[in-house]
């Protein structure tokens, strides 16, 4: 699992609770969450995600079953711009059939949009399944 943007650690904490047997890696510029939500240093890629995702590829390439992208810029346009830059760096980390959850809308030939679970408001999140090549119509 890969948490892209730790923020206050709330989503990371939920992932730990829901998937206690999974390793959860985190990419974050600076770690400032609640003290109980700080990931172990061996699962932390610290720095700008445009750089850390490149270095994470050697360790995580093709192994991530679930990734959550929360750029957390507070600015819709800035978040969408950052998400567009990060998408081609995230997709090589996903395993075939892996799921990417993102607040910003993502556009990629290798990401197939999925419907949201019942009760999740449209536009709140976006779900995608990774495919290693574009599907034929």
N, C-alpha and C. Protein backbone atom coordinates (compact mmCIF):
# COMPACT_ATOMS: atom_id res chain seq x y z
N UNK A 1 0.85 -1.15 0.00
CA UNK A 1 0.00 0.00 0.00
C UNK A 1 0.90 1.23 0.00
N UNK A 2 0.34 2.29 -0.58
CA UNK A 2 1.12 3.51 -0.70
C UNK A 2 0.24 4.71 -0.40
N UNK A 3 0.62 5.47 0.60
CA UNK A 3 -0.07 6.71 0.96
C UNK A 3 0.76 7.86 0.42
N UNK A 4 0.16 8.61 -0.51
CA UNK A 4 0.85 9.71 -1.16
C UNK A 4 0.33 11.02 -0.58
N UNK A 5 1.00 11.51 0.43
CA UNK A 5 0.57 12.70 1.14
C UNK A 5 0.03 12.27 2.50
N UNK A 6 0.84 12.38 3.53
CA UNK A 6 0.45 11.91 4.85
C UNK A 6 -0.48 12.89 5.57
N UNK A 7 -0.24 14.17 5.40
CA UNK A 7 -1.06 15.17 6.09
C UNK A 7 -1.07 14.94 7.59
N UNK A 8 -2.27 14.92 8.18
CA UNK A 8 -2.36 14.69 9.63
C UNK A 8 -2.36 13.21 10.00
N UNK A 9 -2.31 12.34 8.99
CA UNK A 9 -2.20 10.90 9.22
C UNK A 9 -3.51 10.15 9.35
N UNK A 10 -4.62 10.83 9.13
CA UNK A 10 -5.92 10.18 9.31
C UNK A 10 -6.13 9.00 8.36
N UNK A 11 -5.85 9.19 7.07
CA UNK A 11 -6.03 8.10 6.11
C UNK A 11 -5.03 6.99 6.39
N UNK A 12 -3.81 7.35 6.69
CA UNK A 12 -2.79 6.34 7.04
C UNK A 12 -3.28 5.50 8.21
N UNK A 13 -3.84 6.14 9.23
CA UNK A 13 -4.36 5.43 10.39
C UNK A 13 -5.49 4.48 10.01
N UNK A 14 -6.39 4.93 9.13
CA UNK A 14 -7.48 4.07 8.65
C UNK A 14 -6.91 2.86 7.91
N UNK A 15 -5.93 3.09 7.06
CA UNK A 15 -5.33 1.98 6.31
C UNK A 15 -4.68 0.96 7.25
N UNK A 16 -3.99 1.45 8.28
CA UNK A 16 -3.38 0.52 9.26
C UNK A 16 -4.44 -0.32 9.95
N UNK A 17 -5.57 0.31 10.26
CA UNK A 17 -6.65 -0.40 10.95
C UNK A 17 -7.31 -1.42 10.03
N UNK A 18 -7.57 -1.03 8.79
CA UNK A 18 -8.26 -1.92 7.84
C UNK A 18 -7.38 -3.04 7.31
N UNK A 19 -6.08 -2.78 7.21
CA UNK A 19 -5.16 -3.75 6.60
C UNK A 19 -3.94 -3.96 7.51
N UNK A 20 -4.16 -4.54 8.68
CA UNK A 20 -3.07 -4.65 9.66
C UNK A 20 -1.89 -5.52 9.20
N UNK A 21 -2.09 -6.38 8.24
CA UNK A 21 -1.02 -7.26 7.79
C UNK A 21 -0.27 -6.73 6.57
N UNK A 22 -0.64 -5.55 6.11
CA UNK A 22 -0.01 -4.96 4.92
C UNK A 22 1.05 -3.95 5.30
N UNK A 23 2.10 -3.87 4.49
CA UNK A 23 3.08 -2.80 4.63
C UNK A 23 2.49 -1.57 3.97
N UNK A 24 2.58 -0.44 4.66
CA UNK A 24 2.05 0.81 4.13
C UNK A 24 3.22 1.79 4.00
N UNK A 25 3.58 2.08 2.76
CA UNK A 25 4.64 3.04 2.48
C UNK A 25 4.01 4.42 2.35
N UNK A 26 4.80 5.45 2.67
CA UNK A 26 4.30 6.82 2.67
C UNK A 26 5.29 7.72 1.95
N UNK A 27 4.76 8.56 1.06
CA UNK A 27 5.54 9.63 0.46
C UNK A 27 5.03 10.95 1.03
N UNK A 28 5.93 11.75 1.58
CA UNK A 28 5.52 13.02 2.20
C UNK A 28 6.70 13.99 2.17
N UNK A 29 6.35 15.25 1.95
CA UNK A 29 7.38 16.30 1.92
C UNK A 29 7.96 16.52 3.31
N UNK A 30 7.08 16.68 4.30
CA UNK A 30 7.53 16.82 5.69
C UNK A 30 6.51 16.14 6.59
N UNK A 31 6.99 15.41 7.56
CA UNK A 31 6.13 14.60 8.42
C UNK A 31 5.69 15.43 9.63
N UNK A 32 4.37 15.74 9.68
CA UNK A 32 3.82 16.53 10.79
C UNK A 32 2.45 16.01 11.25
N UNK A 33 2.21 14.68 11.19
CA UNK A 33 0.91 14.17 11.61
C UNK A 33 0.83 14.06 13.14
N UNK A 34 -0.31 13.58 13.57
CA UNK A 34 -0.47 13.21 14.98
C UNK A 34 0.64 12.21 15.30
N UNK A 35 1.26 12.29 16.47
CA UNK A 35 2.39 11.39 16.80
C UNK A 35 2.08 9.90 16.65
N UNK A 36 0.83 9.50 16.84
CA UNK A 36 0.48 8.08 16.69
C UNK A 36 0.40 7.64 15.23
N UNK A 37 0.50 8.59 14.31
CA UNK A 37 0.32 8.29 12.88
C UNK A 37 1.59 8.50 12.07
N UNK A 38 2.71 8.42 12.71
CA UNK A 38 3.98 8.55 12.00
C UNK A 38 4.43 7.16 11.56
N UNK A 39 4.65 6.98 10.25
CA UNK A 39 5.07 5.65 9.77
C UNK A 39 6.50 5.34 10.20
N UNK A 40 6.82 4.05 10.28
CA UNK A 40 8.21 3.66 10.55
C UNK A 40 9.13 4.22 9.46
N UNK A 41 10.31 4.63 9.83
CA UNK A 41 11.22 5.28 8.90
C UNK A 41 11.52 4.41 7.68
N UNK A 42 11.53 3.08 7.85
CA UNK A 42 11.83 2.21 6.70
C UNK A 42 10.70 2.17 5.66
N UNK A 43 9.54 2.73 6.00
CA UNK A 43 8.42 2.79 5.06
C UNK A 43 8.12 4.21 4.61
N UNK A 44 9.06 5.12 4.83
CA UNK A 44 8.85 6.53 4.54
C UNK A 44 9.78 7.01 3.44
N UNK A 45 9.20 7.61 2.40
CA UNK A 45 9.95 8.28 1.35
C UNK A 45 9.75 9.77 1.59
N UNK A 46 10.77 10.43 2.12
CA UNK A 46 10.66 11.81 2.55
C UNK A 46 11.22 12.75 1.49
N UNK A 47 10.40 13.74 1.12
CA UNK A 47 10.81 14.74 0.13
C UNK A 47 9.70 15.00 -0.86
N UNK A 48 10.01 15.75 -1.88
CA UNK A 48 9.06 16.08 -2.93
C UNK A 48 8.69 14.79 -3.68
N UNK A 49 7.39 14.54 -3.83
CA UNK A 49 6.95 13.29 -4.47
C UNK A 49 7.46 13.13 -5.89
N UNK A 50 7.72 14.23 -6.58
CA UNK A 50 8.27 14.12 -7.94
C UNK A 50 9.63 13.44 -7.91
N UNK A 51 10.33 13.56 -6.79
CA UNK A 51 11.64 12.91 -6.63
C UNK A 51 11.50 11.55 -5.95
N UNK A 52 10.74 11.50 -4.86
CA UNK A 52 10.67 10.27 -4.07
C UNK A 52 9.99 9.14 -4.82
N UNK A 53 9.03 9.46 -5.68
CA UNK A 53 8.37 8.39 -6.44
C UNK A 53 9.33 7.75 -7.42
N UNK A 54 10.25 8.53 -7.94
CA UNK A 54 11.27 7.95 -8.83
C UNK A 54 12.15 6.97 -8.06
N UNK A 55 12.56 7.34 -6.86
CA UNK A 55 13.40 6.44 -6.07
C UNK A 55 12.61 5.25 -5.52
N UNK A 56 11.31 5.45 -5.28
CA UNK A 56 10.46 4.36 -4.78
C UNK A 56 10.27 3.26 -5.82
N UNK A 57 10.44 3.60 -7.07
CA UNK A 57 10.21 2.62 -8.14
C UNK A 57 11.08 1.38 -7.99
N UNK A 58 12.32 1.56 -7.58
CA UNK A 58 13.21 0.41 -7.43
C UNK A 58 12.69 -0.54 -6.35
N UNK A 59 12.17 0.00 -5.26
CA UNK A 59 11.69 -0.84 -4.17
C UNK A 59 10.26 -1.33 -4.36
N UNK A 60 9.41 -0.49 -4.94
CA UNK A 60 7.98 -0.80 -4.99
C UNK A 60 7.44 -1.11 -6.38
N UNK A 61 8.23 -0.93 -7.41
CA UNK A 61 7.74 -1.08 -8.78
C UNK A 61 6.92 -2.33 -9.01
N UNK A 62 5.66 -2.15 -9.44
CA UNK A 62 4.77 -3.25 -9.76
C UNK A 62 4.23 -4.02 -8.58
N UNK A 63 4.39 -3.50 -7.35
CA UNK A 63 3.98 -4.25 -6.16
C UNK A 63 2.86 -3.60 -5.36
N UNK A 64 2.48 -2.36 -5.67
CA UNK A 64 1.50 -1.64 -4.86
C UNK A 64 0.08 -2.05 -5.27
N UNK A 65 -0.66 -2.61 -4.31
CA UNK A 65 -2.04 -3.04 -4.57
C UNK A 65 -3.04 -1.90 -4.42
N UNK A 66 -2.75 -0.96 -3.53
CA UNK A 66 -3.64 0.17 -3.28
C UNK A 66 -2.80 1.41 -3.02
N UNK A 67 -3.07 2.47 -3.76
CA UNK A 67 -2.41 3.75 -3.53
C UNK A 67 -3.47 4.81 -3.31
N UNK A 68 -3.18 5.73 -2.41
CA UNK A 68 -4.09 6.84 -2.12
C UNK A 68 -3.33 8.14 -2.34
N UNK A 69 -3.81 8.94 -3.31
CA UNK A 69 -3.17 10.21 -3.65
C UNK A 69 -3.97 11.35 -3.06
N UNK A 70 -3.34 12.06 -2.13
CA UNK A 70 -3.94 13.25 -1.53
C UNK A 70 -2.89 14.34 -1.57
N UNK A 71 -2.85 15.13 -2.67
CA UNK A 71 -1.81 16.15 -2.78
C UNK A 71 -1.89 17.22 -1.69
N UNK A 72 -3.09 17.46 -1.15
CA UNK A 72 -3.23 18.34 0.00
C UNK A 72 -2.73 19.75 -0.20
N UNK A 73 -2.85 20.29 -1.41
CA UNK A 73 -2.38 21.65 -1.63
C UNK A 73 -3.37 22.70 -1.12
N UNK A 74 -4.63 22.33 -0.98
CA UNK A 74 -5.64 23.29 -0.58
C UNK A 74 -6.13 24.14 -1.73
N UNK A 75 -5.58 23.93 -2.89
CA UNK A 75 -5.95 24.69 -4.10
C UNK A 75 -6.28 23.68 -5.19
N UNK A 76 -7.53 23.71 -5.68
CA UNK A 76 -8.01 22.72 -6.64
C UNK A 76 -7.13 22.65 -7.88
N UNK A 77 -6.80 23.80 -8.46
CA UNK A 77 -5.99 23.82 -9.69
C UNK A 77 -4.59 23.29 -9.40
N UNK A 78 -4.00 23.71 -8.29
CA UNK A 78 -2.66 23.23 -7.94
C UNK A 78 -2.67 21.72 -7.69
N UNK A 79 -3.71 21.22 -7.03
CA UNK A 79 -3.82 19.78 -6.78
C UNK A 79 -3.94 19.01 -8.08
N UNK A 80 -4.75 19.51 -9.01
CA UNK A 80 -4.91 18.84 -10.30
C UNK A 80 -3.61 18.85 -11.10
N UNK A 81 -2.90 19.97 -11.04
CA UNK A 81 -1.62 20.07 -11.75
C UNK A 81 -0.61 19.09 -11.18
N UNK A 82 -0.50 19.06 -9.85
CA UNK A 82 0.42 18.12 -9.20
C UNK A 82 0.03 16.68 -9.50
N UNK A 83 -1.26 16.37 -9.44
CA UNK A 83 -1.73 15.01 -9.72
C UNK A 83 -1.36 14.60 -11.14
N UNK A 84 -1.49 15.52 -12.09
CA UNK A 84 -1.13 15.21 -13.48
C UNK A 84 0.37 14.92 -13.60
N UNK A 85 1.20 15.63 -12.85
CA UNK A 85 2.64 15.38 -12.86
C UNK A 85 2.98 14.04 -12.21
N UNK A 86 2.25 13.70 -11.16
CA UNK A 86 2.57 12.50 -10.39
C UNK A 86 2.03 11.21 -11.00
N UNK A 87 0.93 11.29 -11.74
CA UNK A 87 0.29 10.09 -12.28
C UNK A 87 1.26 9.17 -13.02
N UNK A 88 2.08 9.68 -13.96
CA UNK A 88 3.00 8.76 -14.64
C UNK A 88 4.12 8.22 -13.74
N UNK A 89 4.29 8.80 -12.57
CA UNK A 89 5.27 8.30 -11.61
C UNK A 89 4.66 7.27 -10.67
N UNK A 90 3.34 7.36 -10.47
CA UNK A 90 2.63 6.43 -9.59
C UNK A 90 2.31 5.13 -10.30
N UNK A 91 1.82 5.21 -11.54
CA UNK A 91 1.32 4.00 -12.21
C UNK A 91 2.35 2.88 -12.32
N UNK A 92 3.65 3.14 -12.53
CA UNK A 92 4.60 2.02 -12.58
C UNK A 92 4.77 1.30 -11.24
N UNK A 93 4.31 1.91 -10.17
CA UNK A 93 4.43 1.29 -8.85
C UNK A 93 3.29 0.30 -8.59
N UNK A 94 2.17 0.47 -9.31
CA UNK A 94 0.98 -0.36 -9.09
C UNK A 94 1.15 -1.75 -9.69
N UNK A 95 0.59 -2.73 -9.00
CA UNK A 95 0.57 -4.08 -9.56
C UNK A 95 -0.60 -4.15 -10.56
N UNK A 96 -0.58 -5.09 -11.49
CA UNK A 96 -1.71 -5.23 -12.41
C UNK A 96 -3.01 -5.41 -11.63
N UNK A 97 -4.00 -4.60 -11.94
CA UNK A 97 -5.28 -4.64 -11.24
C UNK A 97 -5.29 -3.80 -9.97
N UNK A 98 -4.16 -3.18 -9.65
CA UNK A 98 -4.07 -2.34 -8.45
C UNK A 98 -5.05 -1.17 -8.52
N UNK A 99 -5.39 -0.65 -7.36
CA UNK A 99 -6.38 0.43 -7.25
C UNK A 99 -5.67 1.72 -6.83
N UNK A 100 -6.04 2.80 -7.49
CA UNK A 100 -5.56 4.12 -7.14
C UNK A 100 -6.76 4.97 -6.75
N UNK A 101 -6.73 5.50 -5.53
CA UNK A 101 -7.76 6.39 -5.02
C UNK A 101 -7.18 7.79 -5.06
N UNK A 102 -7.93 8.72 -5.63
CA UNK A 102 -7.44 10.08 -5.76
C UNK A 102 -8.57 11.07 -5.59
N UNK A 103 -8.28 12.16 -4.91
CA UNK A 103 -9.27 13.25 -4.87
C UNK A 103 -9.30 13.94 -6.23
N UNK A 104 -8.15 14.39 -6.77
CA UNK A 104 -8.20 14.99 -8.10
C UNK A 104 -8.50 13.94 -9.16
N UNK A 105 -9.15 14.34 -10.21
CA UNK A 105 -9.40 13.49 -11.37
C UNK A 105 -8.05 13.22 -12.05
N UNK A 106 -7.83 11.97 -12.45
CA UNK A 106 -6.60 11.58 -13.12
C UNK A 106 -6.90 11.13 -14.54
N UNK A 107 -5.97 11.39 -15.44
CA UNK A 107 -6.13 10.97 -16.83
C UNK A 107 -4.89 10.18 -17.21
N UNK A 108 -5.12 8.93 -17.60
CA UNK A 108 -4.02 8.06 -17.99
C UNK A 108 -4.58 6.90 -18.81
N UNK A 109 -3.82 6.49 -19.82
CA UNK A 109 -4.24 5.34 -20.64
C UNK A 109 -4.25 4.04 -19.84
N UNK A 110 -3.52 4.00 -18.73
CA UNK A 110 -3.41 2.75 -17.97
C UNK A 110 -4.27 2.75 -16.71
N UNK A 111 -5.11 3.76 -16.55
CA UNK A 111 -6.03 3.83 -15.41
C UNK A 111 -7.46 3.81 -15.92
N UNK A 112 -8.22 2.83 -15.47
CA UNK A 112 -9.62 2.68 -15.85
C UNK A 112 -10.48 3.21 -14.70
N UNK A 113 -11.31 4.24 -14.95
CA UNK A 113 -12.16 4.75 -13.86
C UNK A 113 -13.14 3.69 -13.36
N UNK A 114 -13.36 3.68 -12.06
CA UNK A 114 -14.30 2.76 -11.42
C UNK A 114 -15.41 3.56 -10.74
N UNK A 115 -16.54 2.92 -10.53
CA UNK A 115 -17.62 3.56 -9.79
C UNK A 115 -17.26 3.67 -8.32
N UNK A 116 -17.87 4.63 -7.67
CA UNK A 116 -17.63 4.83 -6.24
C UNK A 116 -18.53 3.92 -5.42
N UNK A 117 -18.07 3.53 -4.24
CA UNK A 117 -18.93 2.74 -3.34
C UNK A 117 -20.17 3.55 -2.94
N UNK A 118 -21.23 2.84 -2.64
CA UNK A 118 -22.46 3.48 -2.20
C UNK A 118 -22.18 4.35 -0.98
N UNK A 119 -22.72 5.55 -1.00
CA UNK A 119 -22.56 6.47 0.12
C UNK A 119 -21.42 7.46 -0.04
N UNK A 120 -20.56 7.27 -1.04
CA UNK A 120 -19.47 8.22 -1.28
C UNK A 120 -19.96 9.25 -2.30
N UNK A 121 -19.93 10.50 -1.91
CA UNK A 121 -20.43 11.58 -2.76
C UNK A 121 -19.59 11.71 -4.03
N UNK A 122 -20.26 11.86 -5.16
CA UNK A 122 -19.57 12.05 -6.44
C UNK A 122 -18.65 13.26 -6.34
N UNK A 123 -17.43 13.10 -6.86
CA UNK A 123 -16.46 14.18 -6.84
C UNK A 123 -15.60 14.22 -5.58
N UNK A 124 -16.00 13.52 -4.55
CA UNK A 124 -15.21 13.50 -3.30
C UNK A 124 -13.91 12.72 -3.52
N UNK A 125 -14.02 11.58 -4.17
CA UNK A 125 -12.87 10.76 -4.52
C UNK A 125 -13.08 10.21 -5.92
N UNK A 126 -12.00 9.72 -6.49
CA UNK A 126 -12.05 9.04 -7.78
C UNK A 126 -11.29 7.73 -7.61
N UNK A 127 -11.84 6.66 -8.17
CA UNK A 127 -11.22 5.34 -8.09
C UNK A 127 -10.80 4.89 -9.48
N UNK A 128 -9.63 4.27 -9.54
CA UNK A 128 -9.10 3.78 -10.81
C UNK A 128 -8.48 2.41 -10.61
N UNK A 129 -8.59 1.58 -11.64
CA UNK A 129 -7.89 0.28 -11.66
C UNK A 129 -6.77 0.39 -12.68
N UNK A 130 -5.61 -0.08 -12.28
CA UNK A 130 -4.45 -0.05 -13.16
C UNK A 130 -4.47 -1.24 -14.11
N UNK A 131 -4.28 -0.95 -15.39
CA UNK A 131 -4.10 -1.99 -16.39
C UNK A 131 -2.76 -1.72 -17.07
N UNK A 132 -2.03 -2.76 -17.40
CA UNK A 132 -0.69 -2.57 -17.92
C UNK A 132 -0.66 -2.01 -19.34
N UNK A 133 -1.78 -2.05 -19.99
CA UNK A 133 -1.89 -1.46 -21.33
C UNK A 133 -3.32 -1.01 -21.53
N UNK A 134 -3.53 -0.04 -22.41
CA UNK A 134 -4.91 0.40 -22.65
C UNK A 134 -5.78 -0.75 -23.16
N UNK A 135 -7.01 -0.83 -22.67
CA UNK A 135 -7.94 -1.85 -23.14
C UNK A 135 -8.50 -1.47 -24.49
N UNK A 136 -8.74 -2.47 -25.34
CA UNK A 136 -9.34 -2.21 -26.65
C UNK A 136 -10.84 -2.03 -26.48
N UNK A 137 -11.45 -1.17 -27.31
CA UNK A 137 -12.90 -0.96 -27.19
C UNK A 137 -13.71 -2.17 -27.58
